[in-house]
Amino acid sequence: MRHMAREKPKHRPLLTAVLFLSALGLFALGFSQLVGLVRCEVFARQVESIDEHPSSAELTASWSFAFGDRACRLEAPIRWSDVERSRDIDTRAVFESRARLREDYVARLVLAQSRSDFVDGLAEQMRAVKNERRLDDDRYLELMTRAVQSIPFGSREARMRLPVEVVASGYGVCSEKSLLLAALMLHEDYDTAFWVLESQNHVAPAVAVDGADFRNSGYAFIETTRLAYIGEVSNRDRAAGPVARPPRLIRLGGTKRYGAADQVAYILSELERAEMREGLLRPALAHVAFMPEKWRPTYEAALRERQSARRLVRYLRGQSDDPMAAYAYLTGSATSSTGSEESPSVLESAARWGRSETGRRILP
């Protein structure tokens, strides 16, 4: 019997080779994961050590943006030693990693940055604005979001730069600006997460919400590359299926939730309707001057309705940093957009609304 057991592998060389290669592959995979975890730990310690032995040389980076009906200016103190140490950190492994290892990289990076001296100083500046204007938690999150959105979009570099580099240079790409906002959110105890959209080559922070969310996740999408509402998602980033893989959500911690998600969803639905109406009525511009007299009043009415829709679009686009004002305006003009095919009262009110062409007054 023992002789047969010893001889059995010789009669099945293919099975033996498959088992050997499988074991070798599992060993290689496990070893690779172990190496990845060690590198992640080293990377996290490098990021955490940025604040060690700070230099006295400082500079001040400042930028201005509109928030509500007033201008806001932030001045961030930056130690030059922080910038230099940040430049020495190779961040390419953060999003080049896969699955759980990438989640570890992102979580460790955001947590370390949320505890950094730079983010602490920047958050202190923002809290001063919050206290001065008596903002609640939702408006405070909208302030932080608008501040990061207002940083100009720059060209992609070989490595992802850290928040202190982004503010010092005055520009950033989606991953860099998302990291900055996520670190600020986590520092201020918002229930923060990170969306990774591989097919779109895009990332974005997220905040927990009670109400309308992104992909039934319990979190709202926050776009950082342009001025947008919290919860607004482009059609490109909604894509998923055989071609576009679904995004992955990396939870980071925190407790505060964003409470205006349903109001934003209503605003975005009205915005979409107004944009659609404007597009459908666009041909009236080309034909109104050539219509027979008996048809001209109809085309002129369509032209006026298109102008009203266009003004409403501009107003709602201009209110992305103050959604409750937009919501109050819409609900004060129309009770609901679901009860009828059109909502003429909203469009007519928008036509009469005349503070400015863009729907708001922006201070220099």
Protein backbone atom coordinates (compact mmCIF):
# COMPACT_ATOMS: atom_id res chain seq x y z
CA MET A 1 0.00 0.00 0.00
CA ARG A 2 2.83 2.36 0.91
CA HIS A 3 4.60 1.42 -2.28
CA MET A 4 1.50 2.34 -4.30
CA ALA A 5 1.22 5.72 -2.52
CA ARG A 6 4.82 6.47 -3.34
CA GLU A 7 4.36 5.50 -6.95
CA LYS A 8 1.05 7.34 -7.50
CA PRO A 9 2.53 10.80 -8.33
CA LYS A 10 4.72 9.22 -10.98
CA HIS A 11 1.65 7.98 -12.83
CA ARG A 12 0.03 11.47 -12.73
CA PRO A 13 2.76 13.95 -13.63
CA LEU A 14 0.30 16.55 -14.98
CA LEU A 15 -1.69 16.65 -11.71
CA THR A 16 1.51 16.88 -9.72
CA ALA A 17 2.74 19.80 -11.86
CA VAL A 18 -0.61 21.62 -11.53
CA LEU A 19 -0.59 21.23 -7.75
CA PHE A 20 3.01 22.37 -7.54
CA LEU A 21 2.38 25.43 -9.72
CA SER A 22 -0.78 26.28 -7.75
CA ALA A 23 1.12 26.11 -4.47
CA LEU A 24 3.89 28.20 -5.96
CA GLY A 25 1.38 30.77 -7.20
CA LEU A 26 -0.30 31.01 -3.80
CA PHE A 27 3.07 31.43 -2.15
CA ALA A 28 4.04 34.15 -4.62
CA LEU A 29 0.70 35.91 -4.10
CA GLY A 30 1.04 35.75 -0.33
CA PHE A 31 4.62 36.97 -0.48
CA SER A 32 3.60 39.82 -2.79
CA GLN A 33 0.82 40.85 -0.41
CA LEU A 34 3.23 40.74 2.51
CA VAL A 35 5.73 42.91 0.64
CA GLY A 36 2.90 45.30 -0.28
CA LEU A 37 1.79 45.61 3.35
CA VAL A 38 5.34 46.28 4.49
CA ARG A 39 5.74 48.97 1.82
CA CYS A 40 2.39 50.48 2.84
CA GLU A 41 3.57 50.66 6.45
CA VAL A 42 6.84 52.31 5.41
CA PHE A 43 4.90 54.74 3.22
CA ALA A 44 2.53 55.65 6.07
CA ARG A 45 5.44 56.30 8.42
CA GLN A 46 7.05 58.56 5.82
CA VAL A 47 3.85 60.61 5.54
CA GLU A 48 3.48 60.80 9.32
CA SER A 49 7.09 61.99 9.69
CA ILE A 50 6.57 65.10 7.54
CA ASP A 51 5.88 67.20 10.64
CA GLU A 52 9.00 66.02 12.47
CA HIS A 53 11.80 68.59 12.94
CA PRO A 54 9.91 71.49 11.31
CA SER A 55 11.83 74.41 9.89
CA SER A 56 11.14 77.98 10.91
CA ALA A 57 10.99 79.20 7.30
CA GLU A 58 7.34 79.74 6.36
CA LEU A 59 5.35 81.12 3.49
CA THR A 60 1.67 81.97 3.18
CA ALA A 61 -0.50 80.58 0.40
CA SER A 62 -3.82 82.34 -0.08
CA TRP A 63 -6.76 82.10 -2.43
CA SER A 64 -10.19 83.69 -2.69
CA PHE A 65 -13.53 82.29 -3.77
CA ALA A 66 -17.21 83.17 -3.62
CA PHE A 67 -19.29 81.54 -0.94
CA GLY A 68 -22.93 82.50 -0.78
CA ASP A 69 -23.25 86.18 -1.57
CA ARG A 70 -19.87 87.11 -0.08
CA ALA A 71 -16.23 86.59 -0.92
CA CYS A 72 -14.10 84.33 1.23
CA ARG A 73 -10.32 84.39 1.54
CA LEU A 74 -8.12 81.73 3.12
CA GLU A 75 -4.49 82.16 4.09
CA ALA A 76 -2.66 78.92 4.80
CA PRO A 77 0.70 79.05 6.62
CA ILE A 78 3.11 76.60 5.00
CA ARG A 79 6.47 75.41 6.32
CA TRP A 80 8.92 74.95 3.50
CA SER A 81 10.29 71.83 5.19
CA ASP A 82 6.82 70.23 4.84
CA VAL A 83 6.83 70.90 1.11
CA GLU A 84 10.32 69.47 0.64
CA ARG A 85 9.60 66.32 2.67
CA SER A 86 6.32 65.81 0.81
CA ARG A 87 8.13 65.98 -2.52
CA ASP A 88 10.46 63.20 -1.41
CA ILE A 89 7.59 60.74 -0.83
CA ASP A 90 6.78 58.41 -3.73
CA THR A 91 2.97 58.26 -3.85
CA ARG A 92 2.63 56.27 -7.06
CA ALA A 93 1.83 53.04 -5.19
CA VAL A 94 -1.38 54.51 -3.72
CA PHE A 95 -3.54 54.07 -6.82
CA GLU A 96 -1.29 51.65 -8.65
CA SER A 97 -2.10 49.08 -5.95
CA ARG A 98 -5.17 46.88 -6.18
CA ALA A 99 -8.03 45.66 -3.98
CA ARG A 100 -7.42 45.65 -0.23
CA LEU A 101 -3.87 46.94 -0.48
CA ARG A 102 -5.05 50.07 -2.27
CA GLU A 103 -7.70 50.60 0.40
CA ASP A 104 -4.99 50.38 3.05
CA TYR A 105 -2.85 52.92 1.20
CA VAL A 106 -5.72 55.40 0.79
CA ALA A 107 -6.95 54.99 4.38
CA ARG A 108 -3.50 55.41 5.90
CA LEU A 109 -2.68 58.38 3.67
CA VAL A 110 -5.92 60.30 4.36
CA LEU A 111 -5.72 59.59 8.10
CA ALA A 112 -2.09 60.75 8.30
CA GLN A 113 -2.85 63.92 6.37
CA SER A 114 -5.95 64.66 8.46
CA ARG A 115 -3.66 64.74 11.52
CA SER A 116 -0.93 66.84 9.88
CA ASP A 117 0.02 70.30 11.08
CA PHE A 118 -0.80 71.76 7.67
CA VAL A 119 -4.37 70.41 7.53
CA ASP A 120 -4.86 71.42 11.16
CA GLY A 121 -3.84 74.99 10.35
CA LEU A 122 -6.03 75.14 7.25
CA ALA A 123 -9.01 73.75 9.17
CA GLU A 124 -8.47 76.41 11.83
CA GLN A 125 -8.82 79.07 9.14
CA MET A 126 -12.03 77.50 7.88
CA ARG A 127 -13.48 77.19 11.38
CA ALA A 128 -12.90 80.91 11.81
CA VAL A 129 -15.09 81.53 8.75
CA LYS A 130 -17.66 79.06 10.11
CA ASN A 131 -17.85 80.86 13.43
CA GLU A 132 -17.93 84.32 11.86
CA ARG A 133 -20.82 83.40 9.56
CA ARG A 134 -22.52 81.08 12.05
CA LEU A 135 -22.60 78.13 9.68
CA ASP A 136 -24.16 74.81 10.63
CA ASP A 137 -22.42 71.51 9.84
CA ASP A 138 -23.97 71.24 6.36
CA ARG A 139 -22.95 74.76 5.39
CA TYR A 140 -19.49 74.17 6.84
CA LEU A 141 -19.03 71.13 4.61
CA GLU A 142 -20.21 73.21 1.65
CA LEU A 143 -17.61 75.85 2.60
CA MET A 144 -14.78 73.30 2.63
CA THR A 145 -16.01 71.79 -0.64
CA ARG A 146 -16.18 75.15 -2.40
CA ALA A 147 -12.73 76.10 -1.11
CA VAL A 148 -11.16 72.98 -2.65
CA GLN A 149 -13.23 73.18 -5.84
CA SER A 150 -11.97 76.75 -6.32
CA ILE A 151 -8.33 75.63 -6.52
CA PRO A 152 -7.53 75.60 -10.27
CA PHE A 153 -7.20 72.26 -12.02
CA GLY A 154 -3.60 71.57 -13.09
CA SER A 155 -1.67 69.11 -15.20
CA ARG A 156 -1.07 65.57 -13.98
CA GLU A 157 2.43 64.74 -12.76
CA ALA A 158 4.26 61.44 -12.34
CA ARG A 159 3.30 61.25 -8.66
CA MET A 160 0.29 62.40 -6.69
CA ARG A 161 1.23 65.46 -4.66
CA LEU A 162 0.19 65.87 -1.06
CA PRO A 163 -2.13 68.66 0.21
CA VAL A 164 0.63 71.04 1.30
CA GLU A 165 2.12 70.86 -2.22
CA VAL A 166 -1.26 71.49 -3.84
CA VAL A 167 -1.97 74.62 -1.81
CA ALA A 168 1.60 75.88 -2.13
CA SER A 169 1.51 75.52 -5.94
CA GLY A 170 -2.06 76.80 -6.34
CA TYR A 171 -3.35 73.94 -8.50
CA GLY A 172 -4.17 70.25 -8.33
CA VAL A 173 -5.69 67.29 -10.19
CA CYS A 174 -8.64 65.17 -9.07
CA SER A 175 -6.69 62.77 -6.83
CA GLU A 176 -4.75 65.59 -5.16
CA LYS A 177 -7.76 67.84 -4.54
CA SER A 178 -9.84 64.87 -3.38
CA LEU A 179 -7.11 63.92 -0.90
CA LEU A 180 -7.05 67.50 0.41
CA LEU A 181 -10.83 67.65 0.89
CA ALA A 182 -11.05 64.15 2.40
CA ALA A 183 -8.30 65.02 4.90
CA LEU A 184 -10.14 68.22 5.89
CA MET A 185 -13.44 66.34 6.22
CA LEU A 186 -11.93 63.62 8.38
CA HIS A 187 -10.13 66.23 10.50
CA GLU A 188 -13.54 67.86 11.17
CA ASP A 189 -15.12 64.46 11.94
CA TYR A 190 -17.36 64.07 8.89
CA ASP A 191 -18.21 60.47 7.99
CA THR A 192 -15.82 60.40 5.05
CA ALA A 193 -15.14 57.92 2.26
CA PHE A 194 -13.28 57.81 -1.03
CA TRP A 195 -14.69 56.82 -4.43
CA VAL A 196 -12.27 55.17 -6.88
CA LEU A 197 -13.59 55.02 -10.45
CA GLU A 198 -11.04 52.97 -12.34
CA SER A 199 -12.80 52.97 -15.72
CA GLN A 200 -13.10 56.77 -15.66
CA ASN A 201 -9.60 57.24 -14.22
CA HIS A 202 -11.15 59.42 -11.56
CA VAL A 203 -11.43 59.64 -7.77
CA ALA A 204 -13.64 61.71 -5.47
CA PRO A 205 -14.35 62.03 -1.75
CA ALA A 206 -17.73 61.09 -0.31
CA VAL A 207 -19.78 61.97 2.75
CA ALA A 208 -22.42 59.91 4.54
CA VAL A 209 -25.97 61.16 3.95
CA ASP A 210 -29.50 60.58 5.16
CA GLY A 211 -31.36 60.49 1.87
CA ALA A 212 -30.36 60.53 -1.79
CA ASP A 213 -26.96 58.88 -2.25
CA PHE A 214 -24.68 57.51 -4.98
CA ARG A 215 -25.24 53.90 -6.08
CA ASN A 216 -27.23 53.00 -2.93
CA SER A 217 -24.06 53.30 -0.85
CA GLY A 218 -25.25 55.67 1.86
CA TYR A 219 -22.63 58.19 0.67
CA ALA A 220 -22.87 61.22 -1.61
CA PHE A 221 -20.35 61.86 -4.37
CA ILE A 222 -18.34 65.11 -4.06
CA GLU A 223 -16.76 66.41 -7.27
CA THR A 224 -13.60 68.46 -6.66
CA THR A 225 -12.49 69.32 -10.20
CA ARG A 226 -15.27 71.83 -10.90
CA LEU A 227 -17.94 73.86 -9.10
CA ALA A 228 -20.73 71.40 -8.30
CA TYR A 229 -23.30 70.54 -5.68
CA ILE A 230 -22.45 67.95 -3.04
CA GLY A 231 -24.07 64.86 -4.53
CA GLU A 232 -23.88 65.99 -8.16
CA VAL A 233 -22.42 63.32 -10.44
CA SER A 234 -21.63 63.67 -14.15
CA ASN A 235 -23.09 61.19 -16.65
CA ARG A 236 -19.59 59.89 -17.34
CA ASP A 237 -19.04 59.03 -13.68
CA ARG A 238 -22.43 57.32 -13.42
CA ALA A 239 -21.50 54.84 -16.13
CA ALA A 240 -21.16 51.18 -15.15
CA GLY A 241 -21.58 47.85 -16.88
CA PRO A 242 -19.59 45.61 -19.20
CA VAL A 243 -17.38 48.49 -20.31
CA ALA A 244 -17.22 50.67 -17.18
CA ARG A 245 -16.51 48.80 -13.97
CA PRO A 246 -18.47 49.93 -10.89
CA PRO A 247 -16.61 52.32 -8.57
CA ARG A 248 -15.17 51.13 -5.28
CA LEU A 249 -15.93 52.87 -2.00
CA ILE A 250 -13.22 53.15 0.66
CA ARG A 251 -14.63 54.15 4.06
CA LEU A 252 -12.33 56.30 6.18
CA GLY A 253 -14.17 57.12 9.43
CA GLY A 254 -15.88 60.09 11.08
CA THR A 255 -19.40 60.62 12.43
CA LYS A 256 -21.04 63.77 10.99
CA ARG A 257 -23.46 63.32 8.10
CA TYR A 258 -24.65 65.68 5.36
CA GLY A 259 -28.33 66.45 5.84
CA ALA A 260 -29.24 68.26 2.59
CA ALA A 261 -28.96 65.33 0.18
CA ASP A 262 -32.68 65.13 -0.64
CA GLN A 263 -32.90 68.89 -1.24
CA VAL A 264 -29.90 68.70 -3.57
CA ALA A 265 -31.52 65.80 -5.44
CA TYR A 266 -34.62 67.96 -5.98
CA ILE A 267 -32.51 70.88 -7.22
CA LEU A 268 -30.63 68.62 -9.64
CA SER A 269 -33.87 67.19 -11.00
CA GLU A 270 -35.18 70.72 -11.67
CA LEU A 271 -31.86 71.67 -13.20
CA GLU A 272 -31.97 68.67 -15.53
CA ARG A 273 -35.52 69.52 -16.56
CA ALA A 274 -34.60 73.15 -17.27
CA GLU A 275 -31.55 72.11 -19.33
CA MET A 276 -33.68 69.67 -21.31
CA ARG A 277 -36.33 72.33 -21.88
CA GLU A 278 -33.72 74.80 -23.06
CA GLY A 279 -32.34 72.28 -25.53
CA LEU A 280 -35.73 71.31 -26.91
CA LEU A 281 -36.67 74.95 -27.50
CA ARG A 282 -33.34 75.94 -29.05
CA PRO A 283 -34.61 75.58 -32.67
CA ALA A 284 -37.04 78.44 -32.01
CA LEU A 285 -34.06 80.81 -32.15
CA ALA A 286 -33.24 79.82 -35.72
CA HIS A 287 -36.79 79.90 -37.06
CA VAL A 288 -38.63 82.68 -35.29
CA ALA A 289 -37.47 85.36 -37.74
CA PHE A 290 -38.61 83.36 -40.80
CA MET A 291 -42.00 82.18 -39.61
CA PRO A 292 -45.24 83.31 -41.30
CA GLU A 293 -47.04 85.96 -39.29
CA LYS A 294 -49.70 83.57 -38.02
CA TRP A 295 -47.06 81.23 -36.49
CA ARG A 296 -44.77 83.91 -35.13
CA PRO A 297 -46.52 84.37 -31.74
CA THR A 298 -46.15 80.64 -31.05
CA TYR A 299 -42.42 80.71 -31.79
CA GLU A 300 -41.94 83.91 -29.82
CA ALA A 301 -43.63 82.28 -26.82
CA ALA A 302 -41.31 79.27 -27.19
CA LEU A 303 -38.37 81.65 -27.38
CA ARG A 304 -39.42 83.38 -24.16
CA GLU A 305 -39.82 80.03 -22.44
CA ARG A 306 -36.34 79.00 -23.56
CA GLN A 307 -34.90 82.23 -22.17
CA SER A 308 -36.66 81.55 -18.87
CA ALA A 309 -35.24 78.01 -18.77
CA ARG A 310 -31.80 79.35 -19.56
CA ARG A 311 -31.97 81.85 -16.72
CA LEU A 312 -33.09 79.14 -14.33
CA VAL A 313 -30.15 76.95 -15.39
CA ARG A 314 -27.73 79.80 -14.80
CA TYR A 315 -29.25 80.55 -11.42
CA LEU A 316 -29.13 76.96 -10.21
CA ARG A 317 -25.59 76.48 -11.52
CA GLY A 318 -24.55 79.61 -9.66
CA GLN A 319 -26.01 78.35 -6.37
CA SER A 320 -24.06 75.10 -6.04
CA ASP A 321 -22.37 76.39 -2.87
CA ASP A 322 -25.72 77.37 -1.32
CA PRO A 323 -28.21 74.62 -2.14
CA MET A 324 -30.72 75.57 0.55
CA ALA A 325 -31.13 79.01 -1.05
CA ALA A 326 -31.77 77.33 -4.41
CA TYR A 327 -34.18 74.88 -2.80
CA ALA A 328 -36.10 77.66 -1.06
CA TYR A 329 -36.29 79.55 -4.35
CA LEU A 330 -37.60 76.53 -6.23
CA THR A 331 -40.13 75.45 -3.65
CA GLY A 332 -41.35 79.00 -3.28
CA SER A 333 -42.08 79.11 -7.03
CA ALA A 334 -43.33 75.58 -7.72
CA THR A 335 -44.61 72.93 -5.34
CA SER A 336 -43.31 69.95 -7.27
CA SER A 337 -41.90 68.96 -10.62
CA THR A 338 -43.50 65.50 -10.58
CA GLY A 339 -47.13 66.45 -10.83
CA SER A 340 -47.11 67.86 -14.37
CA GLU A 341 -45.25 67.57 -17.62
CA GLU A 342 -43.92 71.12 -17.34
CA SER A 343 -43.34 73.58 -14.51
CA PRO A 344 -44.11 76.96 -16.07
CA SER A 345 -44.27 78.79 -12.74
CA VAL A 346 -40.59 78.06 -12.13
CA LEU A 347 -39.62 79.22 -15.60
CA GLU A 348 -41.75 82.34 -15.43
CA SER A 349 -40.34 83.22 -12.02
CA ALA A 350 -36.82 82.71 -13.32
CA ALA A 351 -37.55 85.09 -16.18
CA ARG A 352 -38.59 87.77 -13.71
CA TRP A 353 -35.65 87.12 -11.42
CA GLY A 354 -33.13 89.86 -12.13
CA ARG A 355 -30.30 90.18 -9.63
CA SER A 356 -27.75 89.30 -12.32
CA GLU A 357 -27.38 87.22 -15.46
CA THR A 358 -25.74 84.38 -13.54
CA GLY A 359 -28.24 84.43 -10.71
CA ARG A 360 -26.05 85.81 -7.96
CA ARG A 361 -23.80 88.70 -6.97
CA ILE A 362 -20.14 87.70 -6.77
CA LEU A 363 -17.86 90.02 -4.87
CA PRO A 364 -14.33 90.53 -6.17
